[in-house]
Protein backbone atom coordinates (compact mmCIF):
# COMPACT_ATOMS: atom_id res chain seq x y z
CA UNK A 1 0.00 0.00 0.00
CA UNK A 2 2.84 2.38 0.81
CA UNK A 3 4.43 1.60 -2.52
CA UNK A 4 1.26 2.54 -4.40
CA UNK A 5 0.95 5.84 -2.55
CA UNK A 6 4.60 6.63 -3.19
CA UNK A 7 4.25 5.76 -6.86
CA UNK A 8 1.24 8.05 -7.07
CA UNK A 9 3.23 10.96 -5.69
CA UNK A 10 6.16 10.30 -7.99
CA UNK A 11 3.85 9.77 -10.95
CA UNK A 12 1.96 12.97 -10.15
CA UNK A 13 5.14 15.02 -10.10
CA UNK A 14 6.15 13.37 -13.36
CA UNK A 15 2.90 14.52 -14.92
CA UNK A 16 3.55 18.05 -13.73
CA UNK A 17 7.03 17.87 -15.20
CA UNK A 18 5.61 16.72 -18.50
CA UNK A 19 3.12 19.59 -18.59
CA UNK A 20 5.75 22.23 -17.96
CA UNK A 21 8.50 20.73 -20.06
CA UNK A 22 10.74 20.62 -17.00
CA UNK A 23 12.97 17.52 -16.69
CA UNK A 24 12.44 17.30 -12.92
CA UNK A 25 9.63 17.81 -10.48
CA UNK A 26 8.03 21.23 -10.48
CA UNK A 27 8.68 23.19 -7.33
CA UNK A 28 6.66 26.27 -6.56
CA UNK A 29 8.64 29.47 -6.78
CA UNK A 30 8.14 32.42 -4.53
CA UNK A 31 6.12 35.24 -5.93
CA UNK A 32 8.28 37.62 -7.90
CA UNK A 33 8.65 41.20 -6.77
CA UNK A 34 5.79 43.39 -7.95
CA UNK A 35 6.54 45.30 -11.10
CA UNK A 36 6.64 49.05 -10.53
CA UNK A 37 4.37 51.12 -12.77
CA UNK A 38 5.99 52.84 -15.70
CA UNK A 39 7.03 56.35 -14.62
CA UNK A 40 5.59 57.76 -17.85
CA UNK A 41 2.13 56.86 -16.53
CA UNK A 42 2.40 59.68 -13.98
CA UNK A 43 3.18 62.17 -16.75
CA UNK A 44 0.30 60.79 -18.82
CA UNK A 45 -2.13 61.14 -15.91
CA UNK A 46 -1.01 64.73 -15.31
CA UNK A 47 -1.40 65.66 -18.98
CA UNK A 48 -4.86 64.11 -19.17
CA UNK A 49 -5.77 66.12 -16.07
CA UNK A 50 -4.49 69.28 -17.75
CA UNK A 51 -6.79 68.70 -20.71
CA UNK A 52 -9.71 68.54 -18.28
CA UNK A 53 -8.57 71.75 -16.61
CA UNK A 54 -8.26 73.54 -19.95
CA UNK A 55 -11.76 72.39 -20.93
CA UNK A 56 -13.36 73.35 -17.63
CA UNK A 57 -11.67 76.77 -17.53
CA UNK A 58 -12.62 77.48 -21.14
CA UNK A 59 -16.25 76.68 -20.38
CA UNK A 60 -16.34 78.71 -17.19
CA UNK A 61 -14.44 81.62 -18.76
CA UNK A 62 -15.19 81.80 -22.51
CA UNK A 63 -12.88 84.81 -22.80
CA UNK A 64 -9.94 82.47 -21.95
CA UNK A 65 -10.84 79.90 -24.61
CA UNK A 66 -8.73 81.44 -27.43
CA UNK A 67 -5.72 81.58 -25.12
CA UNK A 68 -6.16 78.06 -23.75
CA UNK A 69 -7.13 76.22 -26.94
CA UNK A 70 -3.63 76.03 -28.51
CA UNK A 71 -2.18 74.80 -25.21
CA UNK A 72 -4.95 72.23 -24.89
CA UNK A 73 -4.36 70.98 -28.44
CA UNK A 74 -0.62 70.60 -27.84
CA UNK A 75 -1.30 68.81 -24.56
CA UNK A 76 -3.66 66.44 -26.40
CA UNK A 77 -0.84 65.68 -28.89
CA UNK A 78 1.45 64.95 -25.94
CA UNK A 79 -1.12 62.53 -24.52
CA UNK A 80 -1.26 60.72 -27.86
CA UNK A 81 2.57 60.49 -27.94
CA UNK A 82 2.67 59.20 -24.36
CA UNK A 83 0.04 56.56 -25.10
CA UNK A 84 2.09 55.42 -28.10
CA UNK A 85 5.29 55.27 -26.05
CA UNK A 86 3.50 53.24 -23.39
CA UNK A 87 1.82 51.02 -26.03
CA UNK A 88 -1.59 51.87 -24.59
CA UNK A 89 -4.72 51.76 -26.71
CA UNK A 90 -6.60 54.95 -27.34
CA UNK A 91 -9.41 55.44 -24.84
CA UNK A 92 -12.78 54.42 -26.20
CA UNK A 93 -14.48 57.47 -24.72
CA UNK A 94 -12.78 60.83 -24.50
CA UNK A 95 -14.12 63.33 -21.97
CA UNK A 96 -16.17 65.93 -23.75
CA UNK A 97 -16.41 69.61 -23.01
CA UNK A 98 -19.93 69.09 -21.66
CA UNK A 99 -18.65 66.40 -19.28
CA UNK A 100 -15.94 68.77 -18.07
CA UNK A 101 -18.53 71.48 -17.53
CA UNK A 102 -20.80 69.07 -15.70
CA UNK A 103 -17.99 67.92 -13.41
CA UNK A 104 -16.92 71.49 -12.68
CA UNK A 105 -20.51 72.51 -12.01
CA UNK A 106 -21.03 69.52 -9.76
CA UNK A 107 -17.76 70.23 -8.00
CA UNK A 108 -18.78 73.85 -7.55
CA UNK A 109 -22.03 72.92 -5.86
CA UNK A 110 -20.46 70.35 -3.59
CA UNK A 111 -17.73 72.70 -2.38
CA UNK A 112 -14.94 70.58 -3.84
CA UNK A 113 -11.52 72.17 -4.35
CA UNK A 114 -11.52 71.00 -7.99
CA UNK A 115 -14.09 73.64 -8.98
CA UNK A 116 -12.98 76.22 -11.53
CA UNK A 117 -12.35 79.53 -9.76
CA UNK A 118 -14.72 82.39 -10.54
CA UNK A 119 -11.85 84.79 -11.23
CA UNK A 120 -10.23 84.10 -14.64
CA UNK A 121 -6.80 85.13 -13.33
CA UNK A 122 -7.07 82.59 -10.52
CA UNK A 123 -8.11 79.93 -13.06
CA UNK A 124 -5.04 80.68 -15.17
CA UNK A 125 -2.80 80.51 -12.12
CA UNK A 126 -4.24 77.13 -11.12
CA UNK A 127 -3.60 75.76 -14.59
CA UNK A 128 -0.12 77.30 -14.66
CA UNK A 129 0.76 75.57 -11.38
CA UNK A 130 -0.54 72.23 -12.70
CA UNK A 131 1.51 72.66 -15.89
CA UNK A 132 4.56 73.54 -13.80
CA UNK A 133 4.09 70.41 -11.66
CA UNK A 134 3.72 68.21 -14.73
CA UNK A 135 6.85 69.75 -16.21
CA UNK A 136 8.68 69.03 -12.97
CA UNK A 137 7.62 65.39 -13.15
CA UNK A 138 8.90 65.13 -16.73
CA UNK A 139 12.15 66.97 -15.90
CA UNK A 140 12.84 64.63 -12.97
CA UNK A 141 12.18 61.65 -15.22
CA UNK A 142 14.82 62.93 -17.67
CA UNK A 143 17.52 61.83 -15.23
CA UNK A 144 16.40 58.20 -15.10
CA UNK A 145 14.73 57.50 -18.42
CA UNK A 146 16.15 55.31 -21.17
CA UNK A 147 18.00 56.74 -24.15
CA UNK A 148 15.05 55.73 -26.34
CA UNK A 149 12.62 57.78 -24.27
CA UNK A 150 14.90 60.75 -23.56
CA UNK A 151 13.76 62.82 -26.57
CA UNK A 152 10.09 62.38 -25.67
CA UNK A 153 10.56 63.08 -21.97
CA UNK A 154 12.80 66.07 -22.65
CA UNK A 155 10.31 67.54 -25.09
CA UNK A 156 7.50 67.08 -22.54
CA UNK A 157 9.52 68.98 -19.93
CA UNK A 158 10.36 71.74 -22.43
CA UNK A 159 6.75 72.03 -23.62
CA UNK A 160 5.56 72.39 -20.04
CA UNK A 161 8.10 75.16 -19.44
CA UNK A 162 6.84 77.01 -22.54
CA UNK A 163 3.19 76.51 -21.59
CA UNK A 164 3.89 77.75 -18.10
CA UNK A 165 5.38 80.97 -19.53
CA UNK A 166 2.39 81.44 -21.84
CA UNK A 167 0.02 81.15 -18.89
CA UNK A 168 1.62 84.03 -16.96
Foldseek 3Di string as FASTA:
>chain_A
DVVVVVVVVLVVQVVVCVVVVHPGGDDDDDDDDDDDDDLLVVLLVLLLVLLLLLLQLCVLPVVCVVLSVVVSVVSVVLNVVSCVVVVHDDDPDRDDSVNSNVVLVVCVVVVHPPHQDNDSLVSLVVSLVSLQVSLVSLVVVLVPDDPVCNVSSVVSNVSSVVVSVSSD
